[in-house]
């Protein structure tokens, strides 16, 4: 699997290697083919607010956005990469969420990354049933990650 990370913040205080490892861990748990690709952008609150406005018509910053590309269930025989999509995370918003939810910033960032990857895999939370399924999968993956690291 190929997980690409770009940061729009200088200097970047986050451990981007940990993001790659967790994203790869989620993709493996979801049994994604090894030639799959995901990109992750680390942005500030202003940039994610602009994206949220443009793509979701919501004029405030959010914590994570996912932009799916190829269907993860498609098998490509020629070994060409499956581009699952892009995840955009705003650590500033994660810090605020962590305080409000009484979690560590690391826990919140891990949840956002798992959440974003699961969206690329087709999970959603539009209705209560889908939300319950997605949240259960997030908890399962994060619990396995905690044991793994």
N, C-alpha and C. Protein backbone atom coordinates (compact mmCIF):
# COMPACT_ATOMS: atom_id res chain seq x y z
N UNK A 1 0.83 -1.17 0.00
CA UNK A 1 0.00 0.00 0.00
C UNK A 1 0.87 1.24 0.00
N UNK A 2 0.35 2.25 -0.61
CA UNK A 2 1.09 3.50 -0.70
C UNK A 2 0.28 4.60 -0.05
N UNK A 3 0.77 5.13 1.04
CA UNK A 3 0.12 6.22 1.74
C UNK A 3 1.02 7.45 1.60
N UNK A 4 0.51 8.46 0.95
CA UNK A 4 1.25 9.69 0.72
C UNK A 4 0.73 10.78 1.65
N UNK A 5 1.64 11.53 2.26
CA UNK A 5 1.22 12.61 3.15
C UNK A 5 1.87 13.90 2.69
N UNK A 6 1.06 14.93 2.68
CA UNK A 6 1.56 16.27 2.41
C UNK A 6 1.06 17.16 3.54
N UNK A 7 1.92 18.07 3.96
CA UNK A 7 1.50 19.00 5.00
C UNK A 7 1.60 20.42 4.45
N UNK A 8 0.64 21.21 4.81
CA UNK A 8 0.61 22.61 4.39
C UNK A 8 0.99 23.50 5.56
N UNK A 9 1.56 22.91 6.59
CA UNK A 9 1.95 23.67 7.78
C UNK A 9 3.46 23.56 7.95
N UNK A 10 4.08 24.65 8.20
CA UNK A 10 5.54 24.65 8.38
C UNK A 10 5.90 25.35 9.68
N UNK A 11 6.70 24.77 10.51
CA UNK A 11 7.11 23.37 10.46
C UNK A 11 5.97 22.47 10.91
N UNK A 12 6.01 21.22 10.51
CA UNK A 12 4.97 20.27 10.87
C UNK A 12 5.36 19.56 12.16
N UNK A 13 4.60 19.79 13.26
CA UNK A 13 4.96 19.16 14.54
C UNK A 13 4.50 17.71 14.69
N UNK A 14 3.62 17.25 13.80
CA UNK A 14 3.10 15.89 13.93
C UNK A 14 4.10 14.85 13.43
N UNK A 15 4.00 13.66 13.98
CA UNK A 15 4.78 12.52 13.52
C UNK A 15 4.06 11.91 12.32
N UNK A 16 4.46 12.32 11.13
CA UNK A 16 3.78 11.87 9.93
C UNK A 16 3.98 10.38 9.67
N UNK A 17 5.07 9.82 10.17
CA UNK A 17 5.31 8.38 10.04
C UNK A 17 4.21 7.60 10.75
N UNK A 18 3.77 8.09 11.89
CA UNK A 18 2.70 7.42 12.63
C UNK A 18 1.39 7.44 11.84
N UNK A 19 1.14 8.52 11.12
CA UNK A 19 -0.06 8.60 10.27
C UNK A 19 0.01 7.53 9.17
N UNK A 20 1.17 7.40 8.54
CA UNK A 20 1.33 6.39 7.49
C UNK A 20 1.10 5.00 8.06
N UNK A 21 1.68 4.73 9.22
CA UNK A 21 1.54 3.40 9.84
C UNK A 21 0.09 3.10 10.19
N UNK A 22 -0.62 4.07 10.76
CA UNK A 22 -2.02 3.83 11.12
C UNK A 22 -2.89 3.69 9.87
N UNK A 23 -2.70 4.52 8.88
CA UNK A 23 -3.49 4.41 7.65
C UNK A 23 -3.25 3.04 7.00
N UNK A 24 -2.01 2.60 6.96
CA UNK A 24 -1.68 1.29 6.40
C UNK A 24 -2.35 0.18 7.21
N UNK A 25 -2.32 0.31 8.52
CA UNK A 25 -2.96 -0.66 9.42
C UNK A 25 -4.46 -0.78 9.10
N UNK A 26 -5.12 0.35 8.92
CA UNK A 26 -6.57 0.34 8.61
C UNK A 26 -6.80 -0.32 7.26
N UNK A 27 -6.01 0.04 6.26
CA UNK A 27 -6.17 -0.54 4.93
C UNK A 27 -5.96 -2.05 4.96
N UNK A 28 -5.00 -2.51 5.73
CA UNK A 28 -4.79 -3.95 5.86
C UNK A 28 -5.99 -4.62 6.52
N UNK A 29 -6.54 -4.00 7.57
CA UNK A 29 -7.70 -4.56 8.25
C UNK A 29 -8.91 -4.61 7.32
N UNK A 30 -8.97 -3.69 6.38
CA UNK A 30 -10.07 -3.65 5.42
C UNK A 30 -9.77 -4.50 4.19
N UNK A 31 -8.65 -5.20 4.21
CA UNK A 31 -8.23 -6.13 3.16
C UNK A 31 -8.16 -5.47 1.78
N UNK A 32 -7.56 -4.28 1.77
CA UNK A 32 -7.38 -3.55 0.54
C UNK A 32 -6.20 -4.16 -0.22
N UNK A 33 -6.28 -4.26 -1.53
CA UNK A 33 -5.16 -4.81 -2.30
C UNK A 33 -3.88 -4.00 -2.06
N UNK A 34 -2.74 -4.65 -2.15
CA UNK A 34 -1.47 -3.98 -1.83
C UNK A 34 -1.11 -2.84 -2.78
N UNK A 35 -1.73 -2.75 -3.94
CA UNK A 35 -1.41 -1.67 -4.87
C UNK A 35 -2.37 -0.49 -4.73
N UNK A 36 -3.01 -0.38 -3.57
CA UNK A 36 -3.91 0.75 -3.31
C UNK A 36 -3.12 1.97 -2.86
N UNK A 37 -3.65 3.14 -3.16
CA UNK A 37 -3.03 4.40 -2.77
C UNK A 37 -4.04 5.29 -2.05
N UNK A 38 -3.53 5.99 -1.03
CA UNK A 38 -4.31 6.97 -0.28
C UNK A 38 -3.41 8.18 -0.07
N UNK A 39 -3.99 9.36 -0.20
CA UNK A 39 -3.21 10.54 0.15
C UNK A 39 -3.87 11.24 1.33
N UNK A 40 -3.02 11.81 2.18
CA UNK A 40 -3.48 12.52 3.38
C UNK A 40 -2.85 13.90 3.35
N UNK A 41 -3.68 14.92 3.51
CA UNK A 41 -3.19 16.29 3.59
C UNK A 41 -3.45 16.81 5.00
N UNK A 42 -2.42 17.39 5.59
CA UNK A 42 -2.53 18.02 6.90
C UNK A 42 -2.60 19.52 6.64
N UNK A 43 -3.72 20.13 7.04
CA UNK A 43 -3.96 21.53 6.72
C UNK A 43 -4.35 22.31 7.97
N UNK A 44 -4.40 23.63 7.83
CA UNK A 44 -4.85 24.46 8.96
C UNK A 44 -6.38 24.64 8.89
N UNK A 45 -6.92 25.27 9.91
CA UNK A 45 -8.38 25.43 10.02
C UNK A 45 -8.95 26.26 8.88
N UNK A 46 -8.23 27.28 8.43
CA UNK A 46 -8.72 28.10 7.32
C UNK A 46 -8.85 27.29 6.04
N UNK A 47 -7.84 26.48 5.75
CA UNK A 47 -7.88 25.70 4.52
C UNK A 47 -8.99 24.66 4.54
N UNK A 48 -9.19 23.99 5.66
CA UNK A 48 -10.26 22.99 5.70
C UNK A 48 -11.63 23.66 5.69
N UNK A 49 -11.73 24.87 6.24
CA UNK A 49 -12.99 25.62 6.18
C UNK A 49 -13.33 25.95 4.73
N UNK A 50 -12.33 26.33 3.95
CA UNK A 50 -12.56 26.62 2.53
C UNK A 50 -13.01 25.36 1.78
N UNK A 51 -12.37 24.25 2.07
CA UNK A 51 -12.78 22.99 1.43
C UNK A 51 -14.18 22.57 1.87
N UNK A 52 -14.48 22.76 3.13
CA UNK A 52 -15.80 22.41 3.65
C UNK A 52 -16.89 23.26 2.98
N UNK A 53 -16.59 24.52 2.77
CA UNK A 53 -17.53 25.42 2.08
C UNK A 53 -17.71 24.98 0.62
N UNK A 54 -16.60 24.74 -0.02
CA UNK A 54 -16.64 24.40 -1.45
C UNK A 54 -17.34 23.08 -1.73
N UNK A 55 -17.05 22.05 -0.94
CA UNK A 55 -17.55 20.72 -1.23
C UNK A 55 -18.76 20.29 -0.42
N UNK A 56 -19.02 20.97 0.69
CA UNK A 56 -20.15 20.56 1.54
C UNK A 56 -21.10 21.72 1.84
N UNK A 57 -20.78 22.90 1.32
CA UNK A 57 -21.61 24.10 1.52
C UNK A 57 -21.81 24.40 3.01
N UNK A 58 -20.77 24.15 3.79
CA UNK A 58 -20.79 24.46 5.21
C UNK A 58 -19.66 25.45 5.49
N UNK A 59 -20.00 26.57 6.04
CA UNK A 59 -19.02 27.67 6.16
C UNK A 59 -18.31 27.70 7.50
N UNK A 60 -17.80 26.54 7.91
CA UNK A 60 -17.00 26.48 9.13
C UNK A 60 -15.93 25.41 8.96
N UNK A 61 -14.89 25.49 9.77
CA UNK A 61 -13.89 24.43 9.69
C UNK A 61 -14.48 23.12 10.22
N UNK A 62 -14.00 22.04 9.69
CA UNK A 62 -14.35 20.72 10.18
C UNK A 62 -13.05 20.01 10.52
N UNK A 63 -13.13 18.83 11.07
CA UNK A 63 -11.92 18.14 11.49
C UNK A 63 -11.31 17.26 10.40
N UNK A 64 -12.16 16.60 9.61
CA UNK A 64 -11.66 15.69 8.57
C UNK A 64 -12.63 15.70 7.40
N UNK A 65 -12.07 15.61 6.22
CA UNK A 65 -12.84 15.45 4.99
C UNK A 65 -12.24 14.29 4.21
N UNK A 66 -13.08 13.55 3.54
CA UNK A 66 -12.62 12.45 2.69
C UNK A 66 -13.19 12.63 1.29
N UNK A 67 -12.36 12.35 0.31
CA UNK A 67 -12.74 12.47 -1.08
C UNK A 67 -12.42 11.16 -1.79
N UNK A 68 -13.40 10.24 -1.83
CA UNK A 68 -13.16 8.94 -2.46
C UNK A 68 -12.90 9.07 -3.96
N UNK A 69 -12.10 8.14 -4.49
CA UNK A 69 -11.81 8.09 -5.92
C UNK A 69 -12.27 6.74 -6.47
N UNK A 70 -11.34 5.79 -6.57
CA UNK A 70 -11.67 4.47 -7.11
C UNK A 70 -12.43 3.63 -6.09
N UNK A 71 -13.25 2.75 -6.58
CA UNK A 71 -13.99 1.83 -5.74
C UNK A 71 -13.01 0.80 -5.16
N UNK A 72 -12.94 0.68 -3.84
CA UNK A 72 -11.98 -0.26 -3.23
C UNK A 72 -12.28 -1.72 -3.54
N UNK A 73 -13.49 -2.03 -4.00
CA UNK A 73 -13.85 -3.41 -4.29
C UNK A 73 -13.41 -3.84 -5.70
N UNK A 74 -12.98 -2.87 -6.51
CA UNK A 74 -12.57 -3.18 -7.88
C UNK A 74 -11.19 -3.83 -7.86
N UNK A 75 -11.06 -4.90 -8.59
CA UNK A 75 -9.76 -5.57 -8.71
C UNK A 75 -9.19 -5.25 -10.08
N UNK A 76 -7.97 -4.76 -10.09
CA UNK A 76 -7.29 -4.44 -11.34
C UNK A 76 -6.20 -5.48 -11.55
N UNK A 77 -6.33 -6.24 -12.60
CA UNK A 77 -5.41 -7.35 -12.84
C UNK A 77 -4.03 -6.92 -13.30
N UNK A 78 -3.91 -5.74 -13.90
CA UNK A 78 -2.61 -5.35 -14.45
C UNK A 78 -1.69 -4.73 -13.41
N UNK A 79 -2.10 -4.70 -12.16
CA UNK A 79 -1.27 -4.16 -11.09
C UNK A 79 -1.27 -2.65 -11.00
N UNK A 80 -2.08 -1.99 -11.82
CA UNK A 80 -2.17 -0.53 -11.74
C UNK A 80 -2.71 -0.15 -10.37
N UNK A 81 -2.27 0.98 -9.83
CA UNK A 81 -2.72 1.37 -8.49
C UNK A 81 -4.22 1.64 -8.44
N UNK A 82 -4.80 1.29 -7.33
CA UNK A 82 -6.18 1.68 -7.03
C UNK A 82 -6.07 2.93 -6.17
N UNK A 83 -6.50 4.05 -6.70
CA UNK A 83 -6.43 5.32 -5.97
C UNK A 83 -7.71 5.45 -5.16
N UNK A 84 -7.61 5.15 -3.88
CA UNK A 84 -8.80 5.15 -3.03
C UNK A 84 -9.32 6.56 -2.77
N UNK A 85 -8.42 7.54 -2.69
CA UNK A 85 -8.86 8.92 -2.51
C UNK A 85 -7.97 9.70 -1.59
N UNK A 86 -8.51 10.84 -1.18
CA UNK A 86 -7.78 11.81 -0.37
C UNK A 86 -8.48 12.03 0.96
N UNK A 87 -7.67 12.21 1.99
CA UNK A 87 -8.17 12.56 3.32
C UNK A 87 -7.50 13.87 3.70
N UNK A 88 -8.29 14.79 4.23
CA UNK A 88 -7.77 16.08 4.68
C UNK A 88 -8.08 16.20 6.17
N UNK A 89 -7.05 16.48 6.96
CA UNK A 89 -7.22 16.57 8.42
C UNK A 89 -6.69 17.91 8.89
N UNK A 90 -7.46 18.53 9.79
CA UNK A 90 -7.06 19.81 10.39
C UNK A 90 -6.74 19.59 11.87
N UNK A 91 -5.46 19.47 12.22
CA UNK A 91 -5.08 19.23 13.61
C UNK A 91 -5.58 20.31 14.58
N UNK A 92 -5.67 21.56 14.14
CA UNK A 92 -6.18 22.62 15.03
C UNK A 92 -7.58 22.27 15.52
N UNK A 93 -8.41 21.78 14.61
CA UNK A 93 -9.78 21.41 14.97
C UNK A 93 -9.75 20.17 15.86
N UNK A 94 -8.84 19.25 15.59
CA UNK A 94 -8.70 18.05 16.42
C UNK A 94 -8.34 18.40 17.85
N UNK A 95 -7.48 19.39 18.02
CA UNK A 95 -7.09 19.83 19.36
C UNK A 95 -8.31 20.34 20.11
N UNK A 96 -9.12 21.15 19.44
CA UNK A 96 -10.35 21.69 20.05
C UNK A 96 -11.31 20.54 20.41
N UNK A 97 -11.49 19.61 19.49
CA UNK A 97 -12.37 18.46 19.75
C UNK A 97 -11.87 17.64 20.93
N UNK A 98 -10.57 17.42 20.98
CA UNK A 98 -9.99 16.60 22.06
C UNK A 98 -10.28 17.22 23.41
N UNK A 99 -10.12 18.53 23.49
CA UNK A 99 -10.42 19.21 24.76
C UNK A 99 -11.89 19.03 25.15
N UNK A 100 -12.78 19.25 24.18
CA UNK A 100 -14.22 19.16 24.44
C UNK A 100 -14.64 17.74 24.81
N UNK A 101 -14.02 16.75 24.19
CA UNK A 101 -14.39 15.35 24.40
C UNK A 101 -13.55 14.65 25.46
N UNK A 102 -12.63 15.40 26.06
CA UNK A 102 -11.73 14.90 27.10
C UNK A 102 -10.95 13.66 26.63
N UNK A 103 -10.35 13.82 25.45
CA UNK A 103 -9.46 12.81 24.89
C UNK A 103 -8.10 13.44 24.70
N UNK A 104 -7.11 12.62 24.47
CA UNK A 104 -5.82 13.18 24.11
C UNK A 104 -5.88 13.60 22.64
N UNK A 105 -4.99 14.49 22.26
CA UNK A 105 -4.93 14.92 20.87
C UNK A 105 -4.57 13.73 19.98
N UNK A 106 -3.67 12.88 20.44
CA UNK A 106 -3.31 11.68 19.66
C UNK A 106 -4.53 10.79 19.43
N UNK A 107 -5.33 10.56 20.46
CA UNK A 107 -6.54 9.75 20.30
C UNK A 107 -7.48 10.36 19.27
N UNK A 108 -7.64 11.66 19.33
CA UNK A 108 -8.54 12.34 18.40
C UNK A 108 -8.00 12.27 16.97
N UNK A 109 -6.72 12.53 16.79
CA UNK A 109 -6.14 12.45 15.45
C UNK A 109 -6.22 11.04 14.89
N UNK A 110 -5.98 10.04 15.73
CA UNK A 110 -6.10 8.65 15.29
C UNK A 110 -7.52 8.34 14.85
N UNK A 111 -8.49 8.78 15.63
CA UNK A 111 -9.89 8.57 15.27
C UNK A 111 -10.22 9.24 13.94
N UNK A 112 -9.76 10.47 13.76
CA UNK A 112 -10.05 11.19 12.52
C UNK A 112 -9.44 10.48 11.31
N UNK A 113 -8.23 9.97 11.47
CA UNK A 113 -7.59 9.26 10.37
C UNK A 113 -8.34 7.97 10.04
N UNK A 114 -8.67 7.20 11.05
CA UNK A 114 -9.44 5.97 10.84
C UNK A 114 -10.77 6.31 10.19
N UNK A 115 -11.43 7.33 10.69
CA UNK A 115 -12.72 7.77 10.14
C UNK A 115 -12.57 8.11 8.66
N UNK A 116 -11.54 8.87 8.33
CA UNK A 116 -11.32 9.27 6.95
C UNK A 116 -11.06 8.09 6.04
N UNK A 117 -10.23 7.15 6.49
CA UNK A 117 -9.95 5.96 5.68
C UNK A 117 -11.22 5.15 5.48
N UNK A 118 -12.01 4.99 6.53
CA UNK A 118 -13.24 4.21 6.40
C UNK A 118 -14.21 4.86 5.41
N UNK A 119 -14.24 6.18 5.37
CA UNK A 119 -15.07 6.85 4.35
C UNK A 119 -14.60 6.45 2.94
N UNK A 120 -13.30 6.39 2.73
CA UNK A 120 -12.79 5.99 1.42
C UNK A 120 -13.18 4.56 1.09
N UNK A 121 -13.41 3.76 2.13
CA UNK A 121 -13.78 2.36 1.95
C UNK A 121 -15.29 2.19 1.76
N UNK A 122 -16.03 3.28 1.80
CA UNK A 122 -17.47 3.21 1.57
C UNK A 122 -18.33 3.32 2.80
N UNK A 123 -17.73 3.38 3.98
CA UNK A 123 -18.51 3.56 5.20
C UNK A 123 -19.06 5.00 5.22
N UNK A 124 -20.21 5.15 5.86
CA UNK A 124 -20.79 6.48 5.99
C UNK A 124 -21.61 6.55 7.27
N UNK A 125 -22.09 7.73 7.56
CA UNK A 125 -22.89 7.93 8.78
C UNK A 125 -24.06 8.85 8.51
N UNK A 126 -24.64 8.69 7.32
CA UNK A 126 -25.77 9.54 6.94
C UNK A 126 -27.00 9.21 7.78
N UNK A 127 -27.23 7.93 8.01
CA UNK A 127 -28.36 7.57 8.88
C UNK A 127 -27.83 6.84 10.12
N UNK A 128 -28.71 6.63 11.08
CA UNK A 128 -28.30 6.05 12.36
C UNK A 128 -27.71 4.65 12.23
N UNK A 129 -28.28 3.84 11.35
CA UNK A 129 -27.79 2.47 11.18
C UNK A 129 -26.36 2.50 10.64
N UNK A 130 -26.13 3.30 9.59
CA UNK A 130 -24.79 3.41 9.01
C UNK A 130 -23.80 3.98 10.02
N UNK A 131 -24.25 4.96 10.78
CA UNK A 131 -23.37 5.58 11.79
C UNK A 131 -22.96 4.56 12.84
N UNK A 132 -23.89 3.73 13.27
CA UNK A 132 -23.60 2.70 14.26
C UNK A 132 -22.56 1.70 13.73
N UNK A 133 -22.73 1.30 12.49
CA UNK A 133 -21.79 0.36 11.86
C UNK A 133 -20.41 0.99 11.76
N UNK A 134 -20.35 2.24 11.29
CA UNK A 134 -19.07 2.91 11.11
C UNK A 134 -18.36 3.12 12.45
N UNK A 135 -19.10 3.56 13.44
CA UNK A 135 -18.50 3.79 14.77
C UNK A 135 -17.99 2.50 15.38
N UNK A 136 -18.73 1.42 15.20
CA UNK A 136 -18.28 0.12 15.72
C UNK A 136 -16.98 -0.30 15.03
N UNK A 137 -16.90 -0.07 13.73
CA UNK A 137 -15.67 -0.43 13.00
C UNK A 137 -14.50 0.43 13.47
N UNK A 138 -14.75 1.72 13.68
CA UNK A 138 -13.70 2.61 14.21
C UNK A 138 -13.18 2.11 15.54
N UNK A 139 -14.09 1.76 16.44
CA UNK A 139 -13.68 1.27 17.77
C UNK A 139 -12.86 -0.01 17.66
N UNK A 140 -13.30 -0.92 16.80
CA UNK A 140 -12.59 -2.19 16.62
C UNK A 140 -11.18 -1.96 16.11
N UNK A 141 -11.05 -1.10 15.12
CA UNK A 141 -9.73 -0.84 14.53
C UNK A 141 -8.83 -0.12 15.54
N UNK A 142 -9.38 0.86 16.23
CA UNK A 142 -8.56 1.61 17.22
C UNK A 142 -8.13 0.72 18.38
N UNK A 143 -8.99 -0.20 18.79
CA UNK A 143 -8.61 -1.14 19.86
C UNK A 143 -7.49 -2.06 19.38
N UNK A 144 -7.59 -2.54 18.14
CA UNK A 144 -6.54 -3.39 17.58
C UNK A 144 -5.24 -2.60 17.42
N UNK A 145 -5.35 -1.34 17.04
CA UNK A 145 -4.16 -0.47 16.89
C UNK A 145 -3.48 -0.29 18.24
N UNK A 146 -4.25 -0.09 19.28
CA UNK A 146 -3.69 0.10 20.62
C UNK A 146 -2.88 -1.12 21.06
N UNK A 147 -3.32 -2.29 20.70
CA UNK A 147 -2.60 -3.51 21.01
C UNK A 147 -1.36 -3.65 20.13
N UNK A 148 -1.50 -3.22 18.89
CA UNK A 148 -0.43 -3.34 17.89
C UNK A 148 0.79 -2.49 18.21
N UNK A 149 0.56 -1.26 18.69
CA UNK A 149 1.69 -0.35 18.90
C UNK A 149 2.36 -0.52 20.22
